[in-house]
């Protein structure tokens, strides 16, 4: 009985220690993310924006992030603007939100 109690005690201590994280942030260790447009500006009607989300650990998290353009979530990491103009873009991943960036779709000059 003492051996069983000792085994349970050691297992409990191991479990509590391994689950306790002293660092802030997410379970994967991230404390911040940033978003970047791979091309900016673009010409409206000719190009589209492609975005990349990167963590403070220099790992790319684009596929596991949600990207927002003017407050609306988009599907994937590309955005084909409906009109010429500027758009505010940010990303969210596991409770983290990037600082917003502004991208511009220029009108075609004739």
Protein backbone atom coordinates (compact mmCIF):
# COMPACT_ATOMS: atom_id res chain seq x y z
CA UNK A 1 0.00 0.00 0.00
CA UNK A 2 2.86 2.38 0.81
CA UNK A 3 4.45 1.63 -2.56
CA UNK A 4 1.20 2.44 -4.36
CA UNK A 5 0.84 5.70 -2.42
CA UNK A 6 4.45 6.64 -3.16
CA UNK A 7 3.99 5.84 -6.85
CA UNK A 8 0.84 7.98 -7.05
CA UNK A 9 2.57 10.82 -5.21
CA UNK A 10 5.57 10.81 -7.54
CA UNK A 11 3.30 10.62 -10.60
CA UNK A 12 1.20 13.53 -9.34
CA UNK A 13 4.27 15.69 -8.71
CA UNK A 14 5.60 14.90 -12.19
CA UNK A 15 2.26 15.77 -13.79
CA UNK A 16 1.90 19.05 -11.90
CA UNK A 17 5.48 20.07 -12.67
CA UNK A 18 5.26 19.25 -16.37
CA UNK A 19 1.96 21.11 -16.82
CA UNK A 20 3.03 24.23 -14.96
CA UNK A 21 4.43 26.91 -17.28
CA UNK A 22 6.02 29.93 -15.73
CA UNK A 23 6.29 31.90 -18.97
CA UNK A 24 3.46 34.07 -20.24
CA UNK A 25 1.98 33.55 -23.65
CA UNK A 26 0.66 30.47 -25.36
CA UNK A 27 1.39 26.80 -24.83
CA UNK A 28 3.79 26.86 -27.78
CA UNK A 29 5.86 29.65 -26.21
CA UNK A 30 4.77 32.49 -28.49
CA UNK A 31 4.44 35.94 -26.99
CA UNK A 32 3.77 37.89 -30.21
CA UNK A 33 2.99 37.57 -33.90
CA UNK A 34 3.49 39.94 -36.81
CA UNK A 35 1.84 40.12 -40.21
CA UNK A 36 3.50 41.24 -43.44
CA UNK A 37 2.25 41.76 -46.99
CA UNK A 38 4.57 40.10 -49.49
CA UNK A 39 3.80 42.89 -51.98
CA UNK A 40 2.51 46.35 -51.20
CA UNK A 41 1.18 48.33 -52.96
CA UNK A 42 -0.54 46.46 -55.75
CA UNK A 43 -2.42 47.73 -58.79
CA UNK A 44 -6.15 47.21 -58.34
CA UNK A 45 -7.56 44.65 -60.76
CA UNK A 46 -4.14 43.23 -61.62
CA UNK A 47 -2.71 41.87 -58.38
CA UNK A 48 -3.73 40.52 -55.03
CA UNK A 49 -2.16 40.72 -51.58
CA UNK A 50 -0.45 37.70 -50.05
CA UNK A 51 0.18 37.78 -46.30
CA UNK A 52 2.62 35.99 -44.01
CA UNK A 53 2.25 35.61 -40.23
CA UNK A 54 5.41 35.07 -38.21
CA UNK A 55 5.97 34.52 -34.51
CA UNK A 56 8.57 36.03 -32.22
CA UNK A 57 10.30 32.64 -32.50
CA UNK A 58 10.83 33.25 -36.26
CA UNK A 59 8.46 30.41 -37.19
CA UNK A 60 5.85 31.07 -39.89
CA UNK A 61 2.29 30.59 -38.55
CA UNK A 62 0.31 31.73 -41.58
CA UNK A 63 -1.69 28.53 -42.02
CA UNK A 64 -2.70 28.38 -38.34
CA UNK A 65 -3.66 32.07 -38.09
CA UNK A 66 -6.78 33.97 -39.04
CA UNK A 67 -6.18 37.08 -41.12
CA UNK A 68 -8.56 40.04 -40.96
CA UNK A 69 -9.02 42.78 -43.56
CA UNK A 70 -10.91 45.82 -42.30
CA UNK A 71 -12.18 43.72 -39.38
CA UNK A 72 -13.50 40.81 -41.48
CA UNK A 73 -11.81 37.40 -41.46
CA UNK A 74 -10.63 36.19 -44.86
CA UNK A 75 -10.15 32.63 -46.07
CA UNK A 76 -6.50 31.71 -46.55
CA UNK A 77 -3.71 34.24 -46.82
CA UNK A 78 -4.58 36.10 -50.03
CA UNK A 79 -6.87 39.06 -50.55
CA UNK A 80 -8.15 40.39 -53.88
CA UNK A 81 -9.46 43.88 -53.06
CA UNK A 82 -12.93 44.75 -54.36
CA UNK A 83 -11.95 48.39 -55.02
CA UNK A 84 -8.86 50.58 -55.12
CA UNK A 85 -7.99 52.01 -51.72
CA UNK A 86 -6.30 51.25 -48.42
CA UNK A 87 -7.09 48.34 -46.14
CA UNK A 88 -6.16 47.59 -42.53
CA UNK A 89 -4.91 44.04 -42.00
CA UNK A 90 -4.08 42.10 -38.83
CA UNK A 91 -3.78 38.47 -37.75
CA UNK A 92 -4.91 36.42 -34.76
CA UNK A 93 -3.54 33.13 -33.49
CA UNK A 94 -4.28 31.41 -30.16
CA UNK A 95 -5.21 34.58 -28.31
CA UNK A 96 -2.45 36.72 -29.85
CA UNK A 97 -3.21 39.63 -32.18
CA UNK A 98 -0.64 41.25 -34.44
CA UNK A 99 -0.27 44.98 -34.81
CA UNK A 100 -2.23 46.15 -37.85
CA UNK A 101 -0.61 47.04 -41.16
CA UNK A 102 -2.03 49.10 -44.00
CA UNK A 103 -1.97 47.85 -47.58
CA UNK A 104 -2.84 49.84 -50.68
CA UNK A 105 -4.48 48.87 -53.94
CA UNK A 106 -3.69 51.66 -56.40
CA UNK A 107 -6.10 52.63 -59.16
CA UNK A 108 -4.92 51.90 -62.69
CA UNK A 109 -3.32 54.94 -64.28
CA UNK A 110 -4.28 55.49 -67.91
